[in-house]
């Protein structure tokens, strides 16, 4: 197993900010319990870190569920598809709208995702589900006010609704402690939500995500062409892990890289966010080519 290293990075998308703490690990480290210190969590870039005043943010756990929006009548995915909820359960939901994560527990994202995609409601599976509510437009104040309203009005509304706990942290050591606590429990990371933020659906501003990603290597065993309908552009790489599992890597490539993809036999590095039950990296994205195609190294 390779030695662990931590590198903090910042990715700015318009007004949104996503802070990803990178953890380099071997392919075997599926149950890795990561530990980060305050300096590593705060080691962003340039003036970005200096612009973050922790006292202005409320901190909560980032749950690995399916993003859902209740409009007072239907539960929908972020893309607008209806999530079928048993009638006896949905009638306990409030008439006001809210945003939540459909969650069935740590390590059960695939189960939650399958539940959200079903054409008919699965009563037995819904008995294990929770809607973890993190925002609602019902109270027109800032985020702090909305949290207080949700805790008062929604907490006792339904056995299937749970308001996400928000807390104020005052220094990066406290953030680190909370971050490590969540990771070691099997969680995904933290969300920092600005206390004065206004509401709108699928709001991506005033949010900071602190989340680990892993990176590792795999061997190129095939090219799948046809990106954008062009037979000369790479659509995805067929990769083989040391475990023997193969999967397609389709994101993270520039047009230049799609025009001249890594050769068969090349070793590439990619980042990912955990594993499926079948041992396939989740949400994998290309980072770089690690060695030339004629290298004699083997797994």
Protein backbone atom coordinates (compact mmCIF):
# COMPACT_ATOMS: atom_id res chain seq x y z
CA UNK A 1 0.00 0.00 0.00
CA UNK A 2 1.35 3.39 -0.96
CA UNK A 3 2.01 5.97 1.73
CA UNK A 4 -0.92 8.32 2.33
CA UNK A 5 -0.62 11.96 1.37
CA UNK A 6 -3.10 14.81 1.77
CA UNK A 7 -3.40 17.79 -0.56
CA UNK A 8 -6.11 20.41 -0.22
CA UNK A 9 -7.50 21.96 -3.39
CA UNK A 10 -10.03 24.63 -4.31
CA UNK A 11 -12.32 24.55 -7.32
CA UNK A 12 -14.31 27.71 -7.99
CA UNK A 13 -17.37 27.47 -10.26
CA UNK A 14 -18.86 30.91 -10.72
CA UNK A 15 -20.07 32.03 -7.33
CA UNK A 16 -19.90 28.54 -5.87
CA UNK A 17 -16.91 27.10 -4.07
CA UNK A 18 -16.09 23.45 -3.68
CA UNK A 19 -13.20 22.50 -1.40
CA UNK A 20 -11.95 18.98 -1.97
CA UNK A 21 -9.41 17.37 0.30
CA UNK A 22 -7.44 14.86 -1.75
CA UNK A 23 -6.36 11.58 -0.24
CA UNK A 24 -3.93 9.41 -2.18
CA UNK A 25 -4.49 5.72 -1.44
CA UNK A 26 -3.93 2.27 -2.89
CA UNK A 27 -6.71 0.41 -4.65
CA UNK A 28 -6.96 -1.93 -1.67
CA UNK A 29 -7.82 0.79 0.84
CA UNK A 30 -11.59 0.52 0.55
CA UNK A 31 -12.29 0.94 4.26
CA UNK A 32 -9.75 3.69 4.80
CA UNK A 33 -10.29 5.86 7.89
CA UNK A 34 -8.62 9.14 6.99
CA UNK A 35 -7.24 11.65 9.47
CA UNK A 36 -6.55 15.27 8.59
CA UNK A 37 -5.15 18.04 10.73
CA UNK A 38 -6.35 21.63 10.78
CA UNK A 39 -3.52 22.91 8.61
CA UNK A 40 -4.33 20.38 5.89
CA UNK A 41 -8.04 21.15 5.90
CA UNK A 42 -7.35 24.89 5.78
CA UNK A 43 -4.60 24.61 3.17
CA UNK A 44 -6.66 25.98 0.32
CA UNK A 45 -5.06 28.44 -2.10
CA UNK A 46 -4.14 32.11 -2.07
CA UNK A 47 -6.63 34.53 -0.57
CA UNK A 48 -9.59 32.14 -0.82
CA UNK A 49 -8.98 30.70 2.66
CA UNK A 50 -8.51 34.18 4.10
CA UNK A 51 -11.92 35.20 2.74
CA UNK A 52 -13.70 32.46 4.70
CA UNK A 53 -14.93 33.76 8.06
CA UNK A 54 -16.01 30.60 9.87
CA UNK A 55 -18.24 32.45 12.31
CA UNK A 56 -20.45 33.40 9.36
CA UNK A 57 -21.12 29.78 8.40
CA UNK A 58 -23.22 26.96 9.80
CA UNK A 59 -21.62 23.54 9.46
CA UNK A 60 -23.38 20.24 8.84
CA UNK A 61 -22.56 16.75 7.67
CA UNK A 62 -22.65 16.14 3.91
CA UNK A 63 -24.79 13.03 3.46
CA UNK A 64 -24.24 10.60 0.62
CA UNK A 65 -27.84 10.40 -0.52
CA UNK A 66 -30.01 11.32 -3.49
CA UNK A 67 -30.83 15.02 -3.75
CA UNK A 68 -34.60 15.45 -3.60
CA UNK A 69 -37.11 18.32 -3.66
CA UNK A 70 -40.56 18.10 -2.12
CA UNK A 71 -42.91 20.62 -3.75
CA UNK A 72 -45.83 20.02 -1.40
CA UNK A 73 -47.28 17.29 -3.61
CA UNK A 74 -44.48 15.34 -5.28
CA UNK A 75 -40.94 14.33 -4.38
CA UNK A 76 -38.61 14.89 -7.31
CA UNK A 77 -34.94 14.42 -8.17
CA UNK A 78 -32.76 17.39 -9.04
CA UNK A 79 -33.51 16.65 -12.71
CA UNK A 80 -37.25 16.83 -12.01
CA UNK A 81 -38.09 13.12 -12.17
CA UNK A 82 -40.75 11.96 -9.71
CA UNK A 83 -39.60 9.75 -6.84
CA UNK A 84 -42.48 7.42 -6.04
CA UNK A 85 -43.29 7.56 -2.34
CA UNK A 86 -45.87 5.25 -0.73
CA UNK A 87 -49.09 7.19 -0.19
CA UNK A 88 -49.22 6.39 3.52
CA UNK A 89 -45.78 7.97 3.88
CA UNK A 90 -46.19 10.97 1.57
CA UNK A 91 -49.39 12.03 3.33
CA UNK A 92 -47.30 12.65 6.46
CA UNK A 93 -45.17 15.20 4.58
CA UNK A 94 -45.92 18.93 5.02
CA UNK A 95 -47.66 21.06 2.41
CA UNK A 96 -44.65 23.36 2.28
CA UNK A 97 -41.70 22.56 0.03
CA UNK A 98 -38.23 21.57 1.18
CA UNK A 99 -34.91 20.24 -0.07
CA UNK A 100 -33.46 17.05 1.32
CA UNK A 101 -31.26 14.01 0.81
CA UNK A 102 -33.03 10.69 0.39
CA UNK A 103 -30.82 8.62 2.67
CA UNK A 104 -30.81 4.99 3.79
CA UNK A 105 -27.61 4.96 5.83
CA UNK A 106 -23.85 5.05 5.39
CA UNK A 107 -22.58 3.14 2.38
CA UNK A 108 -26.05 2.75 0.89
CA UNK A 109 -26.04 5.38 -1.85
CA UNK A 110 -26.67 2.74 -4.51
CA UNK A 111 -29.73 1.49 -2.62
CA UNK A 112 -31.07 5.04 -2.29
CA UNK A 113 -30.38 5.70 -5.95
CA UNK A 114 -32.23 2.53 -6.99
CA UNK A 115 -35.16 3.48 -4.75
CA UNK A 116 -35.35 6.92 -6.37
CA UNK A 117 -35.42 5.38 -9.86
CA UNK A 118 -38.18 2.84 -9.23
CA UNK A 119 -41.35 3.20 -11.30
CA UNK A 120 -43.44 2.10 -8.33
CA UNK A 121 -42.90 2.77 -4.64
CA UNK A 122 -41.08 0.15 -2.58
CA UNK A 123 -42.89 0.18 0.78
CA UNK A 124 -40.43 -2.13 2.55
CA UNK A 125 -37.41 -0.08 1.47
CA UNK A 126 -39.10 3.21 2.30
CA UNK A 127 -39.54 1.95 5.86
CA UNK A 128 -35.74 2.26 6.15
CA UNK A 129 -35.48 5.66 4.44
CA UNK A 130 -35.16 9.19 5.75
CA UNK A 131 -35.49 12.55 4.07
CA UNK A 132 -32.70 14.63 5.61
CA UNK A 133 -33.97 18.18 5.16
CA UNK A 134 -31.34 20.90 4.76
CA UNK A 135 -33.33 23.87 3.42
CA UNK A 136 -36.83 25.20 2.82
CA UNK A 137 -38.23 28.43 1.38
CA UNK A 138 -41.14 28.47 3.85
CA UNK A 139 -39.52 31.02 6.14
CA UNK A 140 -38.33 33.95 4.04
CA UNK A 141 -35.42 34.93 6.25
CA UNK A 142 -31.73 34.10 5.92
CA UNK A 143 -30.38 30.58 6.31
CA UNK A 144 -30.09 30.85 10.09
CA UNK A 145 -33.74 31.82 10.31
CA UNK A 146 -34.77 29.03 7.96
CA UNK A 147 -32.90 26.48 10.08
CA UNK A 148 -34.76 27.61 13.20
CA UNK A 149 -38.07 27.42 11.34
CA UNK A 150 -37.32 23.91 10.03
CA UNK A 151 -36.29 22.66 13.47
CA UNK A 152 -39.52 23.98 14.93
CA UNK A 153 -41.97 23.14 12.15
CA UNK A 154 -40.59 20.05 10.39
CA UNK A 155 -38.80 18.01 13.04
CA UNK A 156 -42.03 16.46 14.37
CA UNK A 157 -43.90 16.49 11.06
CA UNK A 158 -43.13 12.94 9.93
CA UNK A 159 -41.16 9.92 11.09
CA UNK A 160 -39.52 9.98 7.66
CA UNK A 161 -38.31 13.58 7.91
CA UNK A 162 -35.22 14.61 9.84
CA UNK A 163 -33.81 18.14 9.82
CA UNK A 164 -30.05 18.16 9.28
CA UNK A 165 -28.22 19.39 12.36
CA UNK A 166 -26.41 22.68 11.79
CA UNK A 167 -23.77 24.06 14.15
CA UNK A 168 -21.42 27.01 14.29
CA UNK A 169 -17.69 26.29 14.45
CA UNK A 170 -15.19 29.02 15.25
CA UNK A 171 -11.79 27.73 14.16
CA UNK A 172 -10.24 25.29 11.69
CA UNK A 173 -9.34 22.81 14.40
CA UNK A 174 -13.03 22.45 15.19
CA UNK A 175 -13.73 21.97 11.47
CA UNK A 176 -11.02 19.32 11.31
CA UNK A 177 -12.37 17.48 14.35
CA UNK A 178 -15.87 17.47 12.88
CA UNK A 179 -14.53 16.43 9.45
CA UNK A 180 -12.61 13.47 10.91
CA UNK A 181 -15.58 12.46 13.06
CA UNK A 182 -17.83 12.31 10.00
CA UNK A 183 -15.31 10.42 7.86
CA UNK A 184 -14.58 7.86 10.56
CA UNK A 185 -18.32 7.22 10.97
CA UNK A 186 -18.54 6.43 7.25
CA UNK A 187 -19.80 9.85 6.15
CA UNK A 188 -18.92 11.87 3.08
CA UNK A 189 -17.70 15.22 4.40
CA UNK A 190 -18.97 18.61 5.54
CA UNK A 191 -21.12 21.43 4.20
CA UNK A 192 -20.54 25.05 5.21
CA UNK A 193 -23.62 27.15 4.48
CA UNK A 194 -23.45 30.92 4.86
CA UNK A 195 -25.74 32.02 7.68
CA UNK A 196 -27.07 35.02 5.72
CA UNK A 197 -27.70 33.16 2.47
CA UNK A 198 -31.05 33.64 0.77
CA UNK A 199 -32.98 30.68 -0.63
CA UNK A 200 -33.57 29.51 -4.14
CA UNK A 201 -34.03 26.05 -5.56
CA UNK A 202 -30.78 24.15 -6.22
CA UNK A 203 -28.81 27.03 -4.78
CA UNK A 204 -25.08 26.51 -5.40
CA UNK A 205 -23.83 29.78 -4.01
CA UNK A 206 -22.83 30.49 -0.43
CA UNK A 207 -21.92 26.81 -0.02
CA UNK A 208 -18.54 25.29 0.76
CA UNK A 209 -18.07 21.55 0.44
CA UNK A 210 -15.26 19.83 2.30
CA UNK A 211 -15.05 16.32 0.97
CA UNK A 212 -12.30 13.72 0.46
CA UNK A 213 -11.49 12.18 -2.84
CA UNK A 214 -9.18 9.31 -3.57
CA UNK A 215 -6.84 8.81 -6.50
CA UNK A 216 -5.23 5.69 -7.89
CA UNK A 217 -4.03 4.15 -11.16
CA UNK A 218 -5.35 1.72 -13.75
CA UNK A 219 -4.22 0.32 -17.09
CA UNK A 220 -5.79 1.38 -20.41
CA UNK A 221 -7.18 -1.72 -22.15
CA UNK A 222 -9.46 -0.12 -24.72
CA UNK A 223 -10.81 3.01 -26.39
CA UNK A 224 -14.51 3.75 -26.82
CA UNK A 225 -14.83 6.39 -29.54
CA UNK A 226 -17.67 8.69 -30.56
CA UNK A 227 -17.65 11.67 -28.20
CA UNK A 228 -20.25 14.18 -29.38
CA UNK A 229 -21.00 11.91 -32.32
CA UNK A 230 -17.45 12.28 -33.70
CA UNK A 231 -15.90 8.85 -34.37
CA UNK A 232 -12.40 10.36 -34.08
CA UNK A 233 -12.89 11.63 -30.52
CA UNK A 234 -12.56 9.51 -27.39
CA UNK A 235 -15.84 8.88 -25.60
CA UNK A 236 -14.34 6.86 -22.73
CA UNK A 237 -11.32 4.81 -21.75
CA UNK A 238 -11.74 1.15 -20.88
CA UNK A 239 -9.63 0.69 -17.75
CA UNK A 240 -8.52 -2.38 -15.82
CA UNK A 241 -7.88 -2.16 -12.08
CA UNK A 242 -5.30 -4.34 -10.32
CA UNK A 243 -8.27 -6.29 -8.93
CA UNK A 244 -9.23 -7.31 -12.47
CA UNK A 245 -12.37 -5.17 -12.47
CA UNK A 246 -12.83 -3.15 -15.65
CA UNK A 247 -14.82 0.06 -16.05
CA UNK A 248 -15.25 3.00 -18.41
CA UNK A 249 -13.71 6.38 -17.58
CA UNK A 250 -15.61 9.07 -19.46
CA UNK A 251 -14.97 12.41 -17.73
CA UNK A 252 -12.04 14.73 -17.06
CA UNK A 253 -10.63 14.80 -20.60
CA UNK A 254 -9.88 17.89 -22.65
CA UNK A 255 -10.73 17.93 -26.36
CA UNK A 256 -7.00 17.64 -27.05
CA UNK A 257 -6.83 14.50 -24.91
CA UNK A 258 -9.93 13.09 -26.59
CA UNK A 259 -8.24 13.67 -29.96
CA UNK A 260 -5.07 11.90 -28.82
CA UNK A 261 -6.07 9.56 -25.96
CA UNK A 262 -3.64 7.58 -23.79
CA UNK A 263 -2.40 4.52 -25.65
CA UNK A 264 -3.41 0.95 -24.93
CA UNK A 265 -1.20 -0.25 -22.10
CA UNK A 266 -0.64 3.21 -20.60
CA UNK A 267 -1.17 3.65 -16.89
CA UNK A 268 -3.43 6.59 -15.98
CA UNK A 269 -4.28 8.26 -12.69
CA UNK A 270 -7.89 9.12 -11.90
CA UNK A 271 -9.77 10.49 -8.92
CA UNK A 272 -12.92 8.96 -7.48
CA UNK A 273 -15.32 9.19 -4.55
CA UNK A 274 -15.60 5.74 -3.02
CA UNK A 275 -16.67 2.38 -4.43
CA UNK A 276 -19.72 0.58 -5.69
CA UNK A 277 -20.54 -2.80 -4.18
CA UNK A 278 -18.97 -4.37 -7.26
CA UNK A 279 -15.60 -2.70 -6.64
CA UNK A 280 -15.95 -0.04 -9.33
CA UNK A 281 -14.76 3.52 -8.49
CA UNK A 282 -17.64 5.97 -8.11
CA UNK A 283 -17.72 9.26 -10.05
CA UNK A 284 -14.27 8.64 -11.51
CA UNK A 285 -12.53 11.41 -13.44
CA UNK A 286 -9.28 11.41 -15.42
CA UNK A 287 -6.28 13.23 -13.96
CA UNK A 288 -3.14 12.34 -15.93
CA UNK A 289 -1.11 9.69 -17.74
CA UNK A 290 1.32 8.08 -15.31
CA UNK A 291 3.75 6.29 -17.60
CA UNK A 292 4.38 5.65 -21.30
CA UNK A 293 2.65 2.83 -23.09
CA UNK A 294 5.93 0.91 -23.60
CA UNK A 295 6.67 0.76 -19.87
CA UNK A 296 7.57 -2.73 -18.64
CA UNK A 297 6.08 -2.21 -15.18
CA UNK A 298 3.21 -4.47 -14.26
CA UNK A 299 0.57 -4.38 -11.56
